[in-house]
N, C-alpha and C. Protein backbone atom coordinates (compact mmCIF):
# COMPACT_ATOMS: atom_id res chain seq x y z
N UNK A 1 111.69 137.22 157.27
CA UNK A 1 110.94 138.30 156.68
C UNK A 1 110.69 138.04 155.19
N UNK A 2 111.71 137.63 154.46
CA UNK A 2 111.58 137.38 153.03
C UNK A 2 110.67 136.18 152.76
N UNK A 3 110.76 135.16 153.61
CA UNK A 3 109.93 133.98 153.44
C UNK A 3 108.46 134.33 153.64
N UNK A 4 108.18 135.18 154.61
CA UNK A 4 106.80 135.59 154.88
C UNK A 4 106.24 136.40 153.70
N UNK A 5 107.06 137.30 153.16
CA UNK A 5 106.66 138.10 152.01
C UNK A 5 106.39 137.21 150.80
N UNK A 6 107.26 136.23 150.59
CA UNK A 6 107.09 135.29 149.48
C UNK A 6 105.81 134.46 149.66
N UNK A 7 105.54 134.01 150.86
CA UNK A 7 104.33 133.22 151.14
C UNK A 7 103.09 134.07 150.88
N UNK A 8 103.10 135.34 151.29
CA UNK A 8 101.96 136.23 151.05
C UNK A 8 101.73 136.44 149.56
N UNK A 9 102.80 136.60 148.80
CA UNK A 9 102.68 136.77 147.35
C UNK A 9 102.09 135.52 146.68
N UNK A 10 102.53 134.37 147.15
CA UNK A 10 102.01 133.12 146.56
C UNK A 10 100.53 132.97 146.87
N UNK A 11 100.12 133.25 148.10
CA UNK A 11 98.72 133.12 148.48
C UNK A 11 97.86 134.11 147.70
N UNK A 12 98.32 135.36 147.60
CA UNK A 12 97.56 136.38 146.87
C UNK A 12 97.49 136.03 145.38
N UNK A 13 98.59 135.59 144.82
CA UNK A 13 98.64 135.24 143.41
C UNK A 13 97.72 134.07 143.09
N UNK A 14 97.71 133.06 143.94
CA UNK A 14 96.84 131.91 143.68
C UNK A 14 95.37 132.30 143.83
N UNK A 15 95.05 133.21 144.73
CA UNK A 15 93.67 133.69 144.87
C UNK A 15 93.22 134.44 143.63
N UNK A 16 94.09 135.27 143.11
CA UNK A 16 93.78 136.02 141.89
C UNK A 16 93.59 135.07 140.72
N UNK A 17 94.46 134.09 140.60
CA UNK A 17 94.37 133.12 139.51
C UNK A 17 93.09 132.30 139.62
N UNK A 18 92.71 131.91 140.82
CA UNK A 18 91.49 131.12 141.00
C UNK A 18 90.26 131.93 140.59
N UNK A 19 90.20 133.20 140.99
CA UNK A 19 89.07 134.05 140.60
C UNK A 19 89.03 134.26 139.09
N UNK A 20 90.18 134.45 138.48
CA UNK A 20 90.23 134.63 137.03
C UNK A 20 89.78 133.35 136.31
N UNK A 21 90.15 132.20 136.83
CA UNK A 21 89.75 130.93 136.24
C UNK A 21 88.23 130.75 136.32
N UNK A 22 87.64 131.04 137.46
CA UNK A 22 86.19 130.93 137.63
C UNK A 22 85.48 131.89 136.70
N UNK A 23 85.98 133.10 136.60
CA UNK A 23 85.36 134.10 135.72
C UNK A 23 85.45 133.65 134.25
N UNK A 24 86.57 133.11 133.84
CA UNK A 24 86.73 132.63 132.46
C UNK A 24 85.80 131.45 132.18
N UNK A 25 85.62 130.57 133.15
CA UNK A 25 84.73 129.43 132.99
C UNK A 25 83.29 129.90 132.83
N UNK A 26 82.88 130.85 133.65
CA UNK A 26 81.53 131.40 133.55
C UNK A 26 81.31 132.07 132.19
N UNK A 27 82.30 132.79 131.71
CA UNK A 27 82.18 133.45 130.42
C UNK A 27 82.09 132.42 129.29
N UNK A 28 82.84 131.33 129.41
CA UNK A 28 82.78 130.28 128.40
C UNK A 28 81.40 129.63 128.38
N UNK A 29 80.81 129.40 129.54
CA UNK A 29 79.46 128.85 129.60
C UNK A 29 78.44 129.80 128.98
N UNK A 30 78.61 131.09 129.24
CA UNK A 30 77.70 132.08 128.67
C UNK A 30 77.81 132.09 127.14
N UNK A 31 79.04 132.08 126.64
CA UNK A 31 79.25 132.07 125.19
C UNK A 31 78.68 130.80 124.55
N UNK A 32 78.85 129.67 125.23
CA UNK A 32 78.35 128.41 124.69
C UNK A 32 76.83 128.41 124.64
N UNK A 33 76.19 128.97 125.65
CA UNK A 33 74.73 128.98 125.65
C UNK A 33 74.18 129.95 124.59
N UNK A 34 74.91 131.02 124.32
CA UNK A 34 74.47 131.97 123.29
C UNK A 34 74.58 131.36 121.90
N UNK A 35 75.62 130.58 121.67
CA UNK A 35 75.82 130.01 120.33
C UNK A 35 75.09 128.70 120.13
N UNK A 36 74.51 128.16 121.18
CA UNK A 36 73.77 126.91 121.04
C UNK A 36 74.62 125.67 121.13
N UNK A 37 75.90 125.81 121.42
CA UNK A 37 76.78 124.67 121.51
C UNK A 37 76.38 123.77 122.67
N UNK A 38 76.01 124.36 123.78
CA UNK A 38 75.65 123.56 124.95
C UNK A 38 74.42 122.71 124.67
N UNK A 39 73.41 123.29 124.02
CA UNK A 39 72.20 122.53 123.73
C UNK A 39 72.49 121.41 122.73
N UNK A 40 73.29 121.71 121.73
CA UNK A 40 73.63 120.70 120.73
C UNK A 40 74.40 119.55 121.36
N UNK A 41 75.31 119.87 122.25
CA UNK A 41 76.08 118.84 122.92
C UNK A 41 75.18 117.96 123.77
N UNK A 42 74.28 118.56 124.50
CA UNK A 42 73.36 117.79 125.33
C UNK A 42 72.45 116.92 124.47
N UNK A 43 71.99 117.43 123.35
CA UNK A 43 71.14 116.64 122.46
C UNK A 43 71.91 115.44 121.92
N UNK A 44 73.17 115.64 121.59
CA UNK A 44 73.99 114.54 121.09
C UNK A 44 74.21 113.48 122.16
N UNK A 45 74.39 113.91 123.38
CA UNK A 45 74.59 112.96 124.47
C UNK A 45 73.31 112.18 124.72
N UNK A 46 72.18 112.88 124.77
CA UNK A 46 70.90 112.23 125.02
C UNK A 46 70.54 111.29 123.89
N UNK A 47 70.75 111.73 122.67
CA UNK A 47 70.40 110.96 121.48
C UNK A 47 71.34 109.79 121.27
N UNK A 48 72.54 109.89 121.81
CA UNK A 48 73.53 108.83 121.60
C UNK A 48 73.99 108.78 120.16
N UNK A 49 74.55 109.89 119.68
CA UNK A 49 74.95 110.01 118.29
C UNK A 49 75.93 108.88 117.94
N UNK A 50 75.58 108.16 116.91
CA UNK A 50 76.44 107.07 116.49
C UNK A 50 77.17 107.48 115.22
N UNK A 51 78.30 106.87 115.03
CA UNK A 51 79.12 107.22 113.88
C UNK A 51 79.00 106.17 112.79
N UNK A 52 77.94 105.36 112.86
CA UNK A 52 77.77 104.36 111.82
C UNK A 52 77.15 105.00 110.59
N UNK A 53 77.44 104.41 109.48
CA UNK A 53 76.99 104.95 108.20
C UNK A 53 75.67 104.29 107.81
N UNK A 54 74.82 105.02 107.15
CA UNK A 54 73.55 104.49 106.67
C UNK A 54 73.80 103.66 105.41
N UNK A 55 72.96 102.66 105.20
CA UNK A 55 73.14 101.77 104.05
C UNK A 55 73.08 102.49 102.70
N UNK A 56 72.13 103.42 102.48
CA UNK A 56 72.12 104.11 101.18
C UNK A 56 73.40 104.91 100.92
N UNK A 57 73.93 105.54 101.97
CA UNK A 57 75.19 106.28 101.82
C UNK A 57 76.33 105.33 101.48
N UNK A 58 76.36 104.18 102.15
CA UNK A 58 77.42 103.20 101.89
C UNK A 58 77.35 102.69 100.46
N UNK A 59 76.14 102.42 99.99
CA UNK A 59 75.99 101.95 98.60
C UNK A 59 76.41 103.03 97.60
N UNK A 60 76.08 104.29 97.94
CA UNK A 60 76.46 105.39 97.05
C UNK A 60 77.97 105.55 97.01
N UNK A 61 78.63 105.44 98.13
CA UNK A 61 80.08 105.60 98.17
C UNK A 61 80.77 104.52 97.35
N UNK A 62 80.32 103.28 97.50
CA UNK A 62 80.95 102.18 96.77
C UNK A 62 80.42 102.04 95.34
N UNK A 63 79.33 102.72 95.03
CA UNK A 63 78.80 102.65 93.68
C UNK A 63 78.14 101.32 93.36
N UNK A 64 77.42 100.77 94.34
CA UNK A 64 76.74 99.49 94.13
C UNK A 64 75.24 99.67 94.38
N UNK A 65 74.47 98.70 93.91
CA UNK A 65 73.02 98.75 94.08
C UNK A 65 72.59 97.72 95.12
N UNK A 66 71.30 97.68 95.38
CA UNK A 66 70.76 96.71 96.33
C UNK A 66 70.84 95.28 95.81
N UNK A 67 70.97 95.12 94.50
CA UNK A 67 71.05 93.78 93.90
C UNK A 67 72.50 93.31 93.74
N UNK A 68 73.45 94.10 94.13
CA UNK A 68 74.86 93.74 93.96
C UNK A 68 75.23 92.58 94.87
N UNK A 69 76.10 91.71 94.35
CA UNK A 69 76.57 90.58 95.15
C UNK A 69 77.68 91.05 96.09
N UNK A 70 77.96 90.25 97.09
CA UNK A 70 79.02 90.60 98.04
C UNK A 70 80.38 90.64 97.34
N UNK A 71 80.59 89.76 96.37
CA UNK A 71 81.86 89.75 95.63
C UNK A 71 82.04 91.06 94.85
N UNK A 72 80.95 91.56 94.28
CA UNK A 72 81.01 92.83 93.56
C UNK A 72 81.34 93.98 94.51
N UNK A 73 80.76 93.94 95.69
CA UNK A 73 81.04 94.98 96.70
C UNK A 73 82.50 94.94 97.10
N UNK A 74 83.03 93.73 97.33
CA UNK A 74 84.44 93.60 97.70
C UNK A 74 85.36 94.10 96.59
N UNK A 75 84.99 93.82 95.35
CA UNK A 75 85.79 94.28 94.22
C UNK A 75 85.81 95.81 94.16
N UNK A 76 84.65 96.43 94.31
CA UNK A 76 84.57 97.90 94.32
C UNK A 76 85.36 98.47 95.49
N UNK A 77 85.22 97.82 96.64
CA UNK A 77 85.95 98.27 97.83
C UNK A 77 87.46 98.25 97.59
N UNK A 78 87.96 97.12 97.09
CA UNK A 78 89.40 96.99 96.85
C UNK A 78 89.90 98.06 95.87
N UNK A 79 89.14 98.26 94.80
CA UNK A 79 89.53 99.25 93.79
C UNK A 79 89.60 100.66 94.39
N UNK A 80 88.53 101.05 95.07
CA UNK A 80 88.49 102.40 95.65
C UNK A 80 89.52 102.59 96.75
N UNK A 81 89.69 101.57 97.58
CA UNK A 81 90.64 101.69 98.69
C UNK A 81 92.06 101.85 98.16
N UNK A 82 92.43 101.05 97.18
CA UNK A 82 93.77 101.14 96.61
C UNK A 82 93.98 102.45 95.86
N UNK A 83 92.97 102.90 95.14
CA UNK A 83 93.08 104.15 94.40
C UNK A 83 93.33 105.32 95.36
N UNK A 84 92.64 105.34 96.49
CA UNK A 84 92.82 106.41 97.46
C UNK A 84 94.09 106.24 98.27
N UNK A 85 94.61 105.03 98.36
CA UNK A 85 95.89 104.82 99.03
C UNK A 85 97.02 105.46 98.22
N UNK A 86 96.89 105.40 96.88
CA UNK A 86 97.92 105.97 96.02
C UNK A 86 97.89 107.49 96.03
N UNK A 87 96.69 108.08 96.09
CA UNK A 87 96.59 109.54 96.09
C UNK A 87 96.80 110.13 97.47
N UNK A 88 96.78 109.28 98.50
CA UNK A 88 97.05 109.77 99.85
C UNK A 88 95.87 110.38 100.56
N UNK A 89 94.65 110.06 100.14
CA UNK A 89 93.48 110.62 100.80
C UNK A 89 92.99 109.67 101.88
N UNK A 90 93.46 109.91 103.11
CA UNK A 90 93.07 109.06 104.24
C UNK A 90 91.58 109.21 104.53
N UNK A 91 91.04 110.40 104.35
CA UNK A 91 89.61 110.64 104.61
C UNK A 91 88.75 109.76 103.69
N UNK A 92 89.07 109.75 102.41
CA UNK A 92 88.30 108.94 101.47
C UNK A 92 88.48 107.46 101.74
N UNK A 93 89.69 107.07 102.11
CA UNK A 93 89.93 105.68 102.47
C UNK A 93 89.05 105.27 103.64
N UNK A 94 88.94 106.13 104.64
CA UNK A 94 88.13 105.79 105.81
C UNK A 94 86.65 105.73 105.45
N UNK A 95 86.19 106.60 104.54
CA UNK A 95 84.79 106.54 104.11
C UNK A 95 84.52 105.23 103.37
N UNK A 96 85.44 104.81 102.53
CA UNK A 96 85.29 103.55 101.80
C UNK A 96 85.28 102.38 102.79
N UNK A 97 86.15 102.43 103.78
CA UNK A 97 86.22 101.37 104.79
C UNK A 97 84.91 101.30 105.58
N UNK A 98 84.39 102.45 106.00
CA UNK A 98 83.12 102.49 106.77
C UNK A 98 81.96 102.00 105.92
N UNK A 99 81.98 102.31 104.62
CA UNK A 99 80.92 101.84 103.73
C UNK A 99 80.96 100.32 103.63
N UNK A 100 82.15 99.75 103.50
CA UNK A 100 82.27 98.30 103.43
C UNK A 100 81.79 97.67 104.74
N UNK A 101 82.16 98.24 105.88
CA UNK A 101 81.74 97.69 107.17
C UNK A 101 80.22 97.73 107.31
N UNK A 102 79.61 98.82 106.86
CA UNK A 102 78.16 98.94 106.92
C UNK A 102 77.48 97.86 106.10
N UNK A 103 77.93 97.71 104.86
CA UNK A 103 77.32 96.71 103.97
C UNK A 103 77.64 95.30 104.42
N UNK A 104 78.77 95.12 105.08
CA UNK A 104 79.14 93.80 105.59
C UNK A 104 78.12 93.35 106.65
N UNK A 105 77.73 94.25 107.52
CA UNK A 105 76.73 93.90 108.53
C UNK A 105 75.38 93.61 107.88
N UNK A 106 75.05 94.37 106.84
CA UNK A 106 73.78 94.15 106.13
C UNK A 106 73.78 92.77 105.49
N UNK A 107 74.87 92.42 104.82
CA UNK A 107 74.93 91.13 104.14
C UNK A 107 75.04 89.97 105.12
N UNK A 108 75.65 90.19 106.28
CA UNK A 108 75.69 89.15 107.30
C UNK A 108 74.29 88.91 107.86
N UNK A 109 73.54 89.98 108.08
CA UNK A 109 72.18 89.84 108.60
C UNK A 109 71.28 89.11 107.60
N UNK A 110 71.49 89.37 106.31
CA UNK A 110 70.68 88.71 105.28
C UNK A 110 71.15 87.28 105.02
N UNK A 111 72.40 86.98 105.46
CA UNK A 111 72.95 85.64 105.24
C UNK A 111 73.31 85.39 103.80
N UNK A 112 73.66 86.43 103.07
CA UNK A 112 73.98 86.30 101.66
C UNK A 112 75.49 86.18 101.47
N UNK A 113 75.90 85.14 100.85
CA UNK A 113 77.29 84.99 100.46
C UNK A 113 78.24 84.84 101.65
N UNK A 114 79.50 84.68 101.33
CA UNK A 114 80.53 84.57 102.35
C UNK A 114 81.10 85.95 102.57
N UNK A 115 81.07 86.39 103.81
CA UNK A 115 81.59 87.72 104.13
C UNK A 115 83.05 87.56 104.50
N UNK A 116 83.92 88.26 103.77
CA UNK A 116 85.36 88.17 104.03
C UNK A 116 85.82 89.33 104.84
C-alpha cells in the first residue's frame, strides 16, 4: 500500500514538474522575443560574429601608426603588456595581446620584417 502511494506521488510530482518546466521555457522565449535577444542572437549566428580586432583599433591600442616598423610595435607591446601585468589588469593585457596578434597578421601578409 505504501509503495503504491509513493509511486503515485512520484508520477504526479514529475508530471507537475514537467508542465512547470515547459511553461517556464515558453515564458523565457516570450521574454526573449520581446527584448530582441532572440533576433540579435540569430543575427550573430548568421553573420558569424568574429572576435578579431580591426587594424585601426589595434594601432590605436598600441599607439602606433601605419608607418611604424614591426620592432617598434613589439617594443610598444612589451611595454604595455608589462605595465598592465604589474597593475593586474587582465582585460587590458588581453586587449594589448589581441592588438599585437592583429598587427602580426597584417605585417605577415605584407611581408615586412621578421615577425616574432
